[in-house]
Amino acid sequence: MDINLSQYFKSVIDADKCAVVICDLSHTIIYMNPAACERYSKRGGAALVGQSLMDCHSPKSRDSIEKVVAWFKKSKDNNTVFTFRNTKENKDVYMVALRGDSGELIGYYEKHEYRTPETAEPYEMP
């Protein structure tokens, strides 16, 4: 059976309703899921792919990003950092390490997680 795992992984990320921005270790944006393209549409949306994530952040934020990446590099166990709480949108934002098959750091992604409770009934299919 020939399975294209990358197709499955991309489908998982694309189906996420929260913004996911994936970067390499040079801070180049290598992928944005549809939710991220929409969220950042006023800043260029999908056209941000190939650009530096650092161009979208203040000097203080750039310094924080560099510190997190350095922490990710220290240990294979260092994989998730809470970066901020957006009370207006009731969400938390994290930086998450991306690792290769042998555990080496290959990049990171920004993950938004909304904390608003689900209002649908379990297994409700509208």
PDB file of N, CA and C in Angstrom:
ATOM      1  N   MET A   1       0.845  -1.177   0.000  1.00  0.00           N
ATOM      2  CA  MET A   1       0.000   0.000   0.000  1.00  0.00           C
ATOM      3  C   MET A   1       0.891   1.242   0.000  1.00  0.00           C
ATOM      4  N   ASP A   2       0.722   2.087  -0.977  1.00  0.00           N
ATOM      5  CA  ASP A   2       1.525   3.300  -1.096  1.00  0.00           C
ATOM      6  C   ASP A   2       0.734   4.471  -0.512  1.00  0.00           C
ATOM      7  N   ILE A   3       1.176   4.954   0.647  1.00  0.00           N
ATOM      8  CA  ILE A   3       0.477   6.040   1.331  1.00  0.00           C
ATOM      9  C   ILE A   3       1.332   7.301   1.257  1.00  0.00           C
ATOM     10  N   ASN A   4       0.722   8.400   0.862  1.00  0.00           N
ATOM     11  CA  ASN A   4       1.396   9.682   0.830  1.00  0.00           C
ATOM     12  C   ASN A   4       1.088  10.391   2.154  1.00  0.00           C
ATOM     13  N   LEU A   5       1.965  10.174   3.157  1.00  0.00           N
ATOM     14  CA  LEU A   5       1.725  10.750   4.476  1.00  0.00           C
ATOM     15  C   LEU A   5       1.660  12.263   4.449  1.00  0.00           C
ATOM     16  N   SER A   6       2.457  12.894   3.609  1.00  0.00           N
ATOM     17  CA  SER A   6       2.437  14.359   3.574  1.00  0.00           C
ATOM     18  C   SER A   6       1.055  14.881   3.186  1.00  0.00           C
ATOM     19  N   GLN A   7       0.360  14.159   2.337  1.00  0.00           N
ATOM     20  CA  GLN A   7      -1.002  14.552   1.962  1.00  0.00           C
ATOM     21  C   GLN A   7      -1.927  14.491   3.181  1.00  0.00           C
ATOM     22  N   TYR A   8      -1.762  13.461   4.002  1.00  0.00           N
ATOM     23  CA  TYR A   8      -2.575  13.330   5.217  1.00  0.00           C
ATOM     24  C   TYR A   8      -2.259  14.452   6.208  1.00  0.00           C
ATOM     25  N   PHE A   9      -0.968  14.703   6.423  1.00  0.00           N
ATOM     26  CA  PHE A   9      -0.569  15.745   7.366  1.00  0.00           C
ATOM     27  C   PHE A   9      -1.065  17.120   6.914  1.00  0.00           C
ATOM     28  N   LYS A  10      -0.951  17.404   5.626  1.00  0.00           N
ATOM     29  CA  LYS A  10      -1.442  18.671   5.106  1.00  0.00           C
ATOM     30  C   LYS A  10      -2.953  18.776   5.307  1.00  0.00           C
ATOM     31  N   SER A  11      -3.666  17.688   5.108  1.00  0.00           N
ATOM     32  CA  SER A  11      -5.118  17.694   5.296  1.00  0.00           C
ATOM     33  C   SER A  11      -5.485  17.997   6.743  1.00  0.00           C
ATOM     34  N   VAL A  12      -4.726  17.453   7.685  1.00  0.00           N
ATOM     35  CA  VAL A  12      -4.982  17.723   9.101  1.00  0.00           C
ATOM     36  C   VAL A  12      -4.821  19.205   9.389  1.00  0.00           C
ATOM     37  N   ILE A  13      -3.733  19.786   8.914  1.00  0.00           N
ATOM     38  CA  ILE A  13      -3.461  21.204   9.177  1.00  0.00           C
ATOM     39  C   ILE A  13      -4.477  22.091   8.462  1.00  0.00           C
ATOM     40  N   ASP A  14      -4.807  21.751   7.231  1.00  0.00           N
ATOM     41  CA  ASP A  14      -5.760  22.565   6.472  1.00  0.00           C
ATOM     42  C   ASP A  14      -7.164  22.520   7.065  1.00  0.00           C
ATOM     43  N   ALA A  15      -7.518  21.418   7.708  1.00  0.00           N
ATOM     44  CA  ALA A  15      -8.851  21.293   8.295  1.00  0.00           C
ATOM     45  C   ALA A  15      -8.981  22.043   9.614  1.00  0.00           C
ATOM     46  N   ASP A  16      -7.862  22.410  10.220  1.00  0.00           N
ATOM     47  CA  ASP A  16      -7.904  23.116  11.498  1.00  0.00           C
ATOM     48  C   ASP A  16      -8.551  24.478  11.309  1.00  0.00           C
ATOM     49  N   LYS A  17      -9.489  24.821  12.166  1.00  0.00           N
ATOM     50  CA  LYS A  17     -10.173  26.115  12.095  1.00  0.00           C
ATOM     51  C   LYS A  17      -9.317  27.240  12.650  1.00  0.00           C
ATOM     52  N   CYS A  18      -8.252  26.877  13.369  1.00  0.00           N
ATOM     53  CA  CYS A  18      -7.350  27.866  13.948  1.00  0.00           C
ATOM     54  C   CYS A  18      -6.172  28.110  13.010  1.00  0.00           C
ATOM     55  N   ALA A  19      -5.637  29.314  13.087  1.00  0.00           N
ATOM     56  CA  ALA A  19      -4.488  29.667  12.254  1.00  0.00           C
ATOM     57  C   ALA A  19      -3.269  28.833  12.631  1.00  0.00           C
ATOM     58  N   VAL A  20      -2.589  28.291  11.613  1.00  0.00           N
ATOM     59  CA  VAL A  20      -1.340  27.567  11.792  1.00  0.00           C
ATOM     60  C   VAL A  20      -0.343  28.145  10.784  1.00  0.00           C
ATOM     61  N   VAL A  21       0.769  28.676  11.299  1.00  0.00           N
ATOM     62  CA  VAL A  21       1.828  29.254  10.463  1.00  0.00           C
ATOM     63  C   VAL A  21       3.092  28.450  10.728  1.00  0.00           C
ATOM     64  N   ILE A  22       3.635  27.801   9.686  1.00  0.00           N
ATOM     65  CA  ILE A  22       4.801  26.936   9.826  1.00  0.00           C
ATOM     66  C   ILE A  22       6.034  27.656   9.282  1.00  0.00           C
ATOM     67  N   CYS A  23       7.123  27.614  10.083  1.00  0.00           N
ATOM     68  CA  CYS A  23       8.371  28.284   9.697  1.00  0.00           C
ATOM     69  C   CYS A  23       9.552  27.325   9.777  1.00  0.00           C
ATOM     70  N   ASP A  24      10.570  27.604   8.962  1.00  0.00           N
ATOM     71  CA  ASP A  24      11.816  26.852   9.075  1.00  0.00           C
ATOM     72  C   ASP A  24      12.704  27.553  10.097  1.00  0.00           C
ATOM     73  N   LEU A  25      13.921  27.061  10.282  1.00  0.00           N
ATOM     74  CA  LEU A  25      14.799  27.631  11.301  1.00  0.00           C
ATOM     75  C   LEU A  25      15.379  28.992  10.922  1.00  0.00           C
ATOM     76  N   SER A  26      15.174  29.405   9.680  1.00  0.00           N
ATOM     77  CA  SER A  26      15.567  30.757   9.266  1.00  0.00           C
ATOM     78  C   SER A  26      14.421  31.735   9.447  1.00  0.00           C
ATOM     79  N   HIS A  27      13.321  31.256  10.025  1.00  0.00           N
ATOM     80  CA  HIS A  27      12.107  32.039  10.284  1.00  0.00           C
ATOM     81  C   HIS A  27      11.337  32.374   9.008  1.00  0.00           C
ATOM     82  N   THR A  28      11.615  31.625   7.946  1.00  0.00           N
ATOM     83  CA  THR A  28      10.863  31.799   6.708  1.00  0.00           C
ATOM     84  C   THR A  28       9.533  31.064   6.845  1.00  0.00           C
ATOM     85  N   ILE A  29       8.459  31.733   6.496  1.00  0.00           N
ATOM     86  CA  ILE A  29       7.143  31.104   6.527  1.00  0.00           C
ATOM     87  C   ILE A  29       7.093  30.129   5.356  1.00  0.00           C
ATOM     88  N   ILE A  30       6.952  28.838   5.656  1.00  0.00           N
ATOM     89  CA  ILE A  30       6.929  27.844   4.586  1.00  0.00           C
ATOM     90  C   ILE A  30       5.519  27.340   4.300  1.00  0.00           C
ATOM     91  N   TYR A  31       4.586  27.581   5.235  1.00  0.00           N
ATOM     92  CA  TYR A  31       3.199  27.171   4.981  1.00  0.00           C
ATOM     93  C   TYR A  31       2.258  27.896   5.924  1.00  0.00           C
ATOM     94  N   MET A  32       1.115  28.248   5.408  1.00  0.00           N
ATOM     95  CA  MET A  32       0.024  28.811   6.213  1.00  0.00           C
ATOM     96  C   MET A  32      -1.239  28.044   5.837  1.00  0.00           C
ATOM     97  N   ASN A  33      -1.959  27.556   6.840  1.00  0.00           N
ATOM     98  CA  ASN A  33      -3.204  26.876   6.514  1.00  0.00           C
ATOM     99  C   ASN A  33      -4.253  27.914   6.098  1.00  0.00           C
ATOM    100  N   PRO A  34      -5.378  27.487   5.532  1.00  0.00           N
ATOM    101  CA  PRO A  34      -6.393  28.453   5.083  1.00  0.00           C
ATOM    102  C   PRO A  34      -6.850  29.409   6.187  1.00  0.00           C
ATOM    103  N   ALA A  35      -6.970  28.923   7.426  1.00  0.00           N
ATOM    104  CA  ALA A  35      -7.387  29.800   8.526  1.00  0.00           C
ATOM    105  C   ALA A  35      -6.352  30.903   8.763  1.00  0.00           C
ATOM    106  N   ALA A  36      -5.065  30.578   8.643  1.00  0.00           N
ATOM    107  CA  ALA A  36      -4.014  31.578   8.815  1.00  0.00           C
ATOM    108  C   ALA A  36      -4.020  32.575   7.652  1.00  0.00           C
ATOM    109  N   CYS A  37      -4.217  32.084   6.437  1.00  0.00           N
ATOM    110  CA  CYS A  37      -4.282  32.987   5.274  1.00  0.00           C
ATOM    111  C   CYS A  37      -5.409  33.997   5.450  1.00  0.00           C
ATOM    112  N   GLU A  38      -6.534  33.534   5.943  1.00  0.00           N
ATOM    113  CA  GLU A  38      -7.671  34.428   6.183  1.00  0.00           C
ATOM    114  C   GLU A  38      -7.369  35.395   7.322  1.00  0.00           C
ATOM    115  N   ARG A  39      -6.850  34.878   8.421  1.00  0.00           N
ATOM    116  CA  ARG A  39      -6.567  35.703   9.598  1.00  0.00           C
ATOM    117  C   ARG A  39      -5.590  36.829   9.258  1.00  0.00           C
ATOM    118  N   TYR A  40      -4.592  36.524   8.454  1.00  0.00           N
ATOM    119  CA  TYR A  40      -3.560  37.509   8.129  1.00  0.00           C
ATOM    120  C   TYR A  40      -3.746  38.110   6.734  1.00  0.00           C
ATOM    121  N   SER A  41      -4.966  38.087   6.226  1.00  0.00           N
ATOM    122  CA  SER A  41      -5.228  38.586   4.867  1.00  0.00           C
ATOM    123  C   SER A  41      -4.864  40.062   4.708  1.00  0.00           C
ATOM    124  N   LYS A  42      -5.065  40.869   5.731  1.00  0.00           N
ATOM    125  CA  LYS A  42      -4.735  42.299   5.637  1.00  0.00           C
ATOM    126  C   LYS A  42      -3.226  42.534   5.588  1.00  0.00           C
ATOM    127  N   ARG A  43      -2.452  41.538   6.000  1.00  0.00           N
ATOM    128  CA  ARG A  43      -0.986  41.645   5.964  1.00  0.00           C
ATOM    129  C   ARG A  43      -0.405  40.957   4.742  1.00  0.00           C
ATOM    130  N   GLY A  44      -1.276  40.357   3.913  1.00  0.00           N
ATOM    131  CA  GLY A  44      -0.806  39.708   2.704  1.00  0.00           C
ATOM    132  C   GLY A  44      -1.298  38.283   2.536  1.00  0.00           C
ATOM    133  N   GLY A  45      -1.841  37.684   3.596  1.00  0.00           N
ATOM    134  CA  GLY A  45      -2.386  36.332   3.494  1.00  0.00           C
ATOM    135  C   GLY A  45      -1.373  35.342   2.944  1.00  0.00           C
ATOM    136  N   ALA A  46      -1.794  34.553   1.975  1.00  0.00           N
ATOM    137  CA  ALA A  46      -0.945  33.500   1.397  1.00  0.00           C
ATOM    138  C   ALA A  46       0.352  34.058   0.802  1.00  0.00           C
ATOM    139  N   ALA A  47       0.368  35.332   0.429  1.00  0.00           N
ATOM    140  CA  ALA A  47       1.583  35.941  -0.132  1.00  0.00           C
ATOM    141  C   ALA A  47       2.697  36.049   0.913  1.00  0.00           C
ATOM    142  N   LEU A  48       2.382  35.833   2.186  1.00  0.00           N
ATOM    143  CA  LEU A  48       3.404  35.856   3.235  1.00  0.00           C
ATOM    144  C   LEU A  48       4.305  34.617   3.191  1.00  0.00           C
ATOM    145  N   VAL A  49       3.824  33.551   2.554  1.00  0.00           N
ATOM    146  CA  VAL A  49       4.643  32.349   2.415  1.00  0.00           C
ATOM    147  C   VAL A  49       5.904  32.722   1.632  1.00  0.00           C
ATOM    148  N   GLY A  50       7.048  32.322   2.177  1.00  0.00           N
ATOM    149  CA  GLY A  50       8.333  32.677   1.576  1.00  0.00           C
ATOM    150  C   GLY A  50       8.950  33.913   2.200  1.00  0.00           C
ATOM    151  N   GLN A  51       8.184  34.630   3.013  1.00  0.00           N
ATOM    152  CA  GLN A  51       8.679  35.835   3.685  1.00  0.00           C
ATOM    153  C   GLN A  51       9.161  35.465   5.086  1.00  0.00           C
ATOM    154  N   SER A  52       9.903  36.358   5.708  1.00  0.00           N
ATOM    155  CA  SER A  52      10.382  36.133   7.068  1.00  0.00           C
ATOM    156  C   SER A  52       9.277  36.452   8.073  1.00  0.00           C
ATOM    157  N   LEU A  53       9.050  35.537   8.994  1.00  0.00           N
ATOM    158  CA  LEU A  53       8.101  35.773  10.078  1.00  0.00           C
ATOM    159  C   LEU A  53       8.533  36.984  10.893  1.00  0.00           C
ATOM    160  N   MET A  54       9.834  37.200  10.968  1.00  0.00           N
ATOM    161  CA  MET A  54      10.364  38.302  11.766  1.00  0.00           C
ATOM    162  C   MET A  54       9.894  39.665  11.250  1.00  0.00           C
ATOM    163  N   ASP A  55       9.597  39.757   9.946  1.00  0.00           N
ATOM    164  CA  ASP A  55       9.128  41.023   9.384  1.00  0.00           C
ATOM    165  C   ASP A  55       7.743  41.402   9.906  1.00  0.00           C
ATOM    166  N   CYS A  56       7.037  40.452  10.483  1.00  0.00           N
ATOM    167  CA  CYS A  56       5.678  40.672  10.982  1.00  0.00           C
ATOM    168  C   CYS A  56       5.647  40.974  12.477  1.00  0.00           C
ATOM    169  N   HIS A  57       6.817  41.080  13.115  1.00  0.00           N
ATOM    170  CA  HIS A  57       6.863  41.219  14.557  1.00  0.00           C
ATOM    171  C   HIS A  57       7.739  42.393  15.001  1.00  0.00           C
ATOM    172  N   SER A  58       7.455  42.863  16.196  1.00  0.00           N
ATOM    173  CA  SER A  58       8.234  43.945  16.804  1.00  0.00           C
ATOM    174  C   SER A  58       9.596  43.404  17.245  1.00  0.00           C
ATOM    175  N   PRO A  59      10.542  44.294  17.525  1.00  0.00           N
ATOM    176  CA  PRO A  59      11.852  43.833  18.017  1.00  0.00           C
ATOM    177  C   PRO A  59      11.723  42.967  19.284  1.00  0.00           C
ATOM    178  N   LYS A  60      10.830  43.320  20.183  1.00  0.00           N
ATOM    179  CA  LYS A  60      10.639  42.539  21.414  1.00  0.00           C
ATOM    180  C   LYS A  60      10.139  41.133  21.080  1.00  0.00           C
ATOM    181  N   SER A  61       9.182  41.036  20.164  1.00  0.00           N
ATOM    182  CA  SER A  61       8.659  39.729  19.763  1.00  0.00           C
ATOM    183  C   SER A  61       9.713  38.912  19.040  1.00  0.00           C
ATOM    184  N   ARG A  62      10.507  39.554  18.179  1.00  0.00           N
ATOM    185  CA  ARG A  62      11.576  38.840  17.471  1.00  0.00           C
ATOM    186  C   ARG A  62      12.567  38.242  18.463  1.00  0.00           C
ATOM    187  N   ASP A  63      12.913  39.004  19.497  1.00  0.00           N
ATOM    188  CA  ASP A  63      13.827  38.514  20.524  1.00  0.00           C
ATOM    189  C   ASP A  63      13.210  37.304  21.243  1.00  0.00           C
ATOM    190  N   SER A  64      11.928  37.369  21.549  1.00  0.00           N
ATOM    191  CA  SER A  64      11.240  36.253  22.218  1.00  0.00           C
ATOM    192  C   SER A  64      11.234  35.012  21.334  1.00  0.00           C
ATOM    193  N   ILE A  65      10.982  35.185  20.048  1.00  0.00           N
ATOM    194  CA  ILE A  65      10.977  34.059  19.109  1.00  0.00           C
ATOM    195  C   ILE A  65      12.356  33.402  19.071  1.00  0.00           C
ATOM    196  N   GLU A  66      13.395  34.201  18.995  1.00  0.00           N
ATOM    197  CA  GLU A  66      14.768  33.665  18.975  1.00  0.00           C
ATOM    198  C   GLU A  66      15.067  32.879  20.248  1.00  0.00           C
ATOM    199  N   LYS A  67      14.605  33.376  21.400  1.00  0.00           N
ATOM    200  CA  LYS A  67      14.839  32.686  22.673  1.00  0.00           C
ATOM    201  C   LYS A  67      14.113  31.349  22.706  1.00  0.00           C
ATOM    202  N   VAL A  68      12.893  31.314  22.186  1.00  0.00           N
ATOM    203  CA  VAL A  68      12.144  30.056  22.161  1.00  0.00           C
ATOM    204  C   VAL A  68      12.837  29.046  21.251  1.00  0.00           C
ATOM    205  N   VAL A  69      13.266  29.467  20.078  1.00  0.00           N
ATOM    206  CA  VAL A  69      13.946  28.545  19.156  1.00  0.00           C
ATOM    207  C   VAL A  69      15.231  28.015  19.798  1.00  0.00           C
ATOM    208  N   ALA A  70      15.965  28.872  20.488  1.00  0.00           N
ATOM    209  CA  ALA A  70      17.177  28.414  21.185  1.00  0.00           C
ATOM    210  C   ALA A  70      16.815  27.381  22.251  1.00  0.00           C
ATOM    211  N   TRP A  71      15.713  27.582  22.954  1.00  0.00           N
ATOM    212  CA  TRP A  71      15.261  26.619  23.963  1.00  0.00           C
ATOM    213  C   TRP A  71      14.858  25.303  23.315  1.00  0.00           C
ATOM    214  N   PHE A  72      14.159  25.367  22.176  1.00  0.00           N
ATOM    215  CA  PHE A  72      13.802  24.149  21.439  1.00  0.00           C
ATOM    216  C   PHE A  72      15.063  23.344  21.098  1.00  0.00           C
ATOM    217  N   LYS A  73      16.125  24.039  20.711  1.00  0.00           N
ATOM    218  CA  LYS A  73      17.359  23.373  20.290  1.00  0.00           C
ATOM    219  C   LYS A  73      18.086  22.683  21.439  1.00  0.00           C
ATOM    220  N   LYS A  74      17.845  23.113  22.673  1.00  0.00           N
ATOM    221  CA  LYS A  74      18.555  22.560  23.835  1.00  0.00           C
ATOM    222  C   LYS A  74      18.197  21.120  24.134  1.00  0.00           C
ATOM    223  N   SER A  75      16.965  20.701  23.835  1.00  0.00           N
ATOM    224  CA  SER A  75      16.541  19.348  24.187  1.00  0.00           C
ATOM    225  C   SER A  75      15.382  18.905  23.304  1.00  0.00           C
ATOM    226  N   LYS A  76      15.380  17.612  22.975  1.00  0.00           N
ATOM    227  CA  LYS A  76      14.262  17.042  22.221  1.00  0.00           C
ATOM    228  C   LYS A  76      12.966  17.098  23.015  1.00  0.00           C
ATOM    229  N   ASP A  77      13.072  17.306  24.320  1.00  0.00           N
ATOM    230  CA  ASP A  77      11.890  17.386  25.179  1.00  0.00           C
ATOM    231  C   ASP A  77      11.281  18.789  25.236  1.00  0.00           C
ATOM    232  N   ASN A  78      11.997  19.779  24.723  1.00  0.00           N
ATOM    233  CA  ASN A  78      11.508  21.165  24.726  1.00  0.00           C
ATOM    234  C   ASN A  78      10.716  21.401  23.439  1.00  0.00           C
ATOM    235  N   ASN A  79       9.392  21.327  23.549  1.00  0.00           N
ATOM    236  CA  ASN A  79       8.587  21.324  22.328  1.00  0.00           C
ATOM    237  C   ASN A  79       7.432  22.308  22.253  1.00  0.00           C
ATOM    238  N   THR A  80       6.970  22.840  23.354  1.00  0.00           N
ATOM    239  CA  THR A  80       5.814  23.743  23.303  1.00  0.00           C
ATOM    240  C   THR A  80       6.002  24.879  24.295  1.00  0.00           C
ATOM    241  N   VAL A  81       5.734  26.107  23.832  1.00  0.00           N
ATOM    242  CA  VAL A  81       5.817  27.289  24.692  1.00  0.00           C
ATOM    243  C   VAL A  81       4.561  28.130  24.479  1.00  0.00           C
ATOM    244  N   PHE A  82       3.900  28.442  25.577  1.00  0.00           N
ATOM    245  CA  PHE A  82       2.784  29.380  25.556  1.00  0.00           C
ATOM    246  C   PHE A  82       3.368  30.763  25.317  1.00  0.00           C
ATOM    247  N   THR A  83       2.862  31.491  24.310  1.00  0.00           N
ATOM    248  CA  THR A  83       3.436  32.799  23.992  1.00  0.00           C
ATOM    249  C   THR A  83       2.565  33.980  24.395  1.00  0.00           C
ATOM    250  N   PHE A  84       1.247  33.847  24.296  1.00  0.00           N
ATOM    251  CA  PHE A  84       0.394  34.923  24.801  1.00  0.00           C
ATOM    252  C   PHE A  84      -1.070  34.508  24.855  1.00  0.00           C
ATOM    253  N   ARG A  85      -1.799  35.276  25.638  1.00  0.00           N
ATOM    254  CA  ARG A  85      -3.238  35.097  25.800  1.00  0.00           C
ATOM    255  C   ARG A  85      -3.924  36.287  25.167  1.00  0.00           C
ATOM    256  N   ASN A  86      -4.879  36.027  24.290  1.00  0.00           N
ATOM    257  CA  ASN A  86      -5.685  37.076  23.670  1.00  0.00           C
ATOM    258  C   ASN A  86      -7.071  36.988  24.310  1.00  0.00           C
ATOM    259  N   THR A  87      -7.317  37.835  25.301  1.00  0.00           N
ATOM    260  CA  THR A  87      -8.591  37.763  26.021  1.00  0.00           C
ATOM    261  C   THR A  87      -9.759  38.199  25.142  1.00  0.00           C
ATOM    262  N   LYS A  88      -9.520  39.141  24.247  1.00  0.00           N
ATOM    263  CA  LYS A  88     -10.598  39.616  23.364  1.00  0.00           C
ATOM    264  C   LYS A  88     -11.149  38.473  22.516  1.00  0.00           C
ATOM    265  N   GLU A  89     -10.265  37.592  22.042  1.00  0.00           N
ATOM    266  CA  GLU A  89     -10.681  36.471  21.200  1.00  0.00           C
ATOM    267  C   GLU A  89     -10.781  35.153  21.983  1.00  0.00           C
ATOM    268  N   ASN A  90     -10.519  35.212  23.289  1.00  0.00           N
ATOM    269  CA  ASN A  90     -10.569  34.035  24.149  1.00  0.00           C
ATOM    270  C   ASN A  90      -9.723  32.898  23.583  1.00  0.00           C
ATOM    271  N   LYS A  91      -8.457  33.208  23.351  1.00  0.00           N
ATOM    272  CA  LYS A  91      -7.559  32.190  22.791  1.00  0.00           C
ATOM    273  C   LYS A  91      -6.179  32.305  23.402  1.00  0.00           C
ATOM    274  N   ASP A  92      -5.465  31.194  23.339  1.00  0.00           N
ATOM    275  CA  ASP A  92      -4.065  31.129  23.722  1.00  0.00           C
ATOM    276  C   ASP A  92      -3.263  30.843  22.460  1.00  0.00           C
ATOM    277  N   VAL A  93      -2.031  31.339  22.428  1.00  0.00           N
ATOM    278  CA  VAL A  93      -1.169  31.126  21.272  1.00  0.00           C
ATOM    279  C   VAL A  93       0.119  30.463  21.763  1.00  0.00           C
ATOM    280  N   TYR A  94       0.583  29.492  20.988  1.00  0.00           N
ATOM    281  CA  TYR A  94       1.757  28.703  21.343  1.00  0.00           C
ATOM    282  C   TYR A  94       2.738  28.671  20.187  1.00  0.00           C
ATOM    283  N   MET A  95       4.013  28.451  20.526  1.00  0.00           N
ATOM    284  CA  MET A  95       5.020  28.066  19.543  1.00  0.00           C
ATOM    285  C   MET A  95       5.305  26.595  19.814  1.00  0.00           C
ATOM    286  N   VAL A  96       5.336  25.800  18.737  1.00  0.00           N
ATOM    287  CA  VAL A  96       5.526  24.357  18.856  1.00  0.00           C
ATOM    288  C   VAL A  96       6.687  23.948  17.952  1.00  0.00           C
ATOM    289  N   ALA A  97       7.597  23.148  18.511  1.00  0.00           N
ATOM    290  CA  ALA A  97       8.756  22.669  17.756  1.00  0.00           C
ATOM    291  C   ALA A  97       8.330  21.640  16.717  1.00  0.00           C
ATOM    292  N   LEU A  98       8.981  21.669  15.574  1.00  0.00           N
ATOM    293  CA  LEU A  98       8.843  20.633  14.552  1.00  0.00           C
ATOM    294  C   LEU A  98      10.175  19.900  14.484  1.00  0.00           C
ATOM    295  N   ARG A  99      10.119  18.587  14.544  1.00  0.00           N
ATOM    296  CA  ARG A  99      11.338  17.794  14.598  1.00  0.00           C
ATOM    297  C   ARG A  99      11.374  16.757  13.490  1.00  0.00           C
ATOM    298  N   GLY A 100      12.585  16.484  12.995  1.00  0.00           N
ATOM    299  CA  GLY A 100      12.785  15.458  11.977  1.00  0.00           C
ATOM    300  C   GLY A 100      12.713  14.070  12.592  1.00  0.00           C
ATOM    301  N   ASP A 101      12.898  13.069  11.760  1.00  0.00           N
ATOM    302  CA  ASP A 101      12.792  11.675  12.192  1.00  0.00           C
ATOM    303  C   ASP A 101      13.731  11.316  13.345  1.00  0.00           C
ATOM    304  N   SER A 102      14.892  11.939  13.403  1.00  0.00           N
ATOM    305  CA  SER A 102      15.836  11.624  14.482  1.00  0.00           C
ATOM    306  C   SER A 102      15.744  12.614  15.640  1.00  0.00           C
ATOM    307  N   GLY A 103      14.720  13.451  15.624  1.00  0.00           N
ATOM    308  CA  GLY A 103      14.486  14.373  16.726  1.00  0.00           C
ATOM    309  C   GLY A 103      15.117  15.736  16.583  1.00  0.00           C
ATOM    310  N   GLU A 104      15.861  15.954  15.495  1.00  0.00           N
ATOM    311  CA  GLU A 104      16.500  17.255  15.308  1.00  0.00           C
ATOM    312  C   GLU A 104      15.444  18.324  14.994  1.00  0.00           C
ATOM    313  N   LEU A 105      15.683  19.521  15.501  1.00  0.00           N
ATOM    314  CA  LEU A 105      14.769  20.638  15.252  1.00  0.00           C
ATOM    315  C   LEU A 105      14.867  21.046  13.785  1.00  0.00           C
ATOM    316  N   ILE A 106      13.726  21.086  13.105  1.00  0.00           N
ATOM    317  CA  ILE A 106      13.707  21.476  11.692  1.00  0.00           C
ATOM    318  C   ILE A 106      12.881  22.743  11.458  1.00  0.00           C
ATOM    319  N   GLY A 107      12.140  23.166  12.465  1.00  0.00           N
ATOM    320  CA  GLY A 107      11.320  24.358  12.332  1.00  0.00           C
ATOM    321  C   GLY A 107      10.385  24.474  13.515  1.00  0.00           C
ATOM    322  N   TYR A 108       9.379  25.298  13.346  1.00  0.00           N
ATOM    323  CA  TYR A 108       8.398  25.506  14.404  1.00  0.00           C
ATOM    324  C   TYR A 108       7.113  26.031  13.778  1.00  0.00           C
ATOM    325  N   TYR A 109       6.055  25.991  14.573  1.00  0.00           N
ATOM    326  CA  TYR A 109       4.822  26.592  14.094  1.00  0.00           C
ATOM    327  C   TYR A 109       4.116  27.331  15.210  1.00  0.00           C
ATOM    328  N   GLU A 110       3.294  28.280  14.796  1.00  0.00           N
ATOM    329  CA  GLU A 110       2.466  29.047  15.708  1.00  0.00           C
ATOM    330  C   GLU A 110       1.074  28.442  15.663  1.00  0.00           C
ATOM    331  N   LYS A 111       0.542  28.138  16.839  1.00  0.00           N
ATOM    332  CA  LYS A 111      -0.763  27.496  16.934  1.00  0.00           C
ATOM    333  C   LYS A 111      -1.675  28.335  17.810  1.00  0.00           C
ATOM    334  N   HIS A 112      -2.845  28.672  17.286  1.00  0.00           N
ATOM    335  CA  HIS A 112      -3.868  29.396  18.034  1.00  0.00           C
ATOM    336  C   HIS A 112      -4.873  28.382  18.549  1.00  0.00           C
ATOM    337  N   GLU A 113      -5.229  28.495  19.816  1.00  0.00           N
ATOM    338  CA  GLU A 113      -6.234  27.603  20.389  1.00  0.00           C
ATOM    339  C   GLU A 113      -7.295  28.442  21.083  1.00  0.00           C
ATOM    340  N   TYR A 114      -8.488  28.406  20.526  1.00  0.00           N
ATOM    341  CA  TYR A 114      -9.607  29.130  21.108  1.00  0.00           C
ATOM    342  C   TYR A 114     -10.150  28.359  22.297  1.00  0.00           C
ATOM    343  N   ARG A 115     -10.561  29.067  23.329  1.00  0.00           N
ATOM    344  CA  ARG A 115     -11.030  28.452  24.575  1.00  0.00           C
ATOM    345  C   ARG A 115     -12.539  28.571  24.764  1.00  0.00           C
ATOM    346  N   THR A 116     -13.233  29.041  23.750  1.00  0.00           N
ATOM    347  CA  THR A 116     -14.682  29.140  23.835  1.00  0.00           C
ATOM    348  C   THR A 116     -15.269  27.735  23.779  1.00  0.00           C
ATOM    349  N   PRO A 117     -16.104  27.364  24.760  1.00  0.00           N
ATOM    350  CA  PRO A 117     -16.669  26.007  24.754  1.00  0.00           C
ATOM    351  C   PRO A 117     -17.508  25.740  23.498  1.00  0.00           C
ATOM    352  N   GLU A 118     -17.466  24.521  23.061  1.00  0.00           N
ATOM    353  CA  GLU A 118     -18.252  24.064  21.901  1.00  0.00           C
ATOM    354  C   GLU A 118     -19.738  24.126  22.246  1.00  0.00           C
ATOM    355  N   THR A 119     -20.541  24.576  21.295  1.00  0.00           N
ATOM    356  CA  THR A 119     -21.986  24.666  21.535  1.00  0.00           C
ATOM    357  C   THR A 119     -22.757  23.543  20.821  1.00  0.00           C
ATOM    358  N   ALA A 120     -22.107  22.829  19.928  1.00  0.00           N
ATOM    359  CA  ALA A 120     -22.783  21.720  19.232  1.00  0.00           C
ATOM    360  C   ALA A 120     -22.948  20.543  20.178  1.00  0.00           C
ATOM    361  N   GLU A 121     -23.927  19.732  19.891  1.00  0.00           N
ATOM    362  CA  GLU A 121     -24.122  18.485  20.629  1.00  0.00           C
ATOM    363  C   GLU A 121     -23.087  17.486  20.143  1.00  0.00           C
ATOM    364  N   PRO A 122     -22.672  16.544  21.006  1.00  0.00           N
ATOM    365  CA  PRO A 122     -21.728  15.524  20.546  1.00  0.00           C
ATOM    366  C   PRO A 122     -22.245  14.798  19.307  1.00  0.00           C
ATOM    367  N   TYR A 123     -21.392  14.671  18.347  1.00  0.00           N
ATOM    368  CA  TYR A 123     -21.651  13.991  17.072  1.00  0.00           C
ATOM    369  C   TYR A 123     -22.765  14.647  16.255  1.00  0.00           C
ATOM    370  N   GLU A 124     -23.072  15.886  16.548  1.00  0.00           N
ATOM    371  CA  GLU A 124     -24.076  16.619  15.764  1.00  0.00           C
ATOM    372  C   GLU A 124     -23.466  16.910  14.386  1.00  0.00           C
ATOM    373  N   MET A 125     -24.214  16.598  13.353  1.00  0.00           N
ATOM    374  CA  MET A 125     -23.744  16.836  11.993  1.00  0.00           C
ATOM    375  C   MET A 125     -24.739  17.736  11.288  1.00  0.00           C
ATOM    376  N   PRO A 126     -24.451  19.026  11.296  1.00  0.00           N
ATOM    377  CA  PRO A 126     -25.419  19.986  10.693  1.00  0.00           C
ATOM    378  C   PRO A 126     -25.634  19.763   9.202  1.00  0.00           C
TER     379      PRO A 126
END
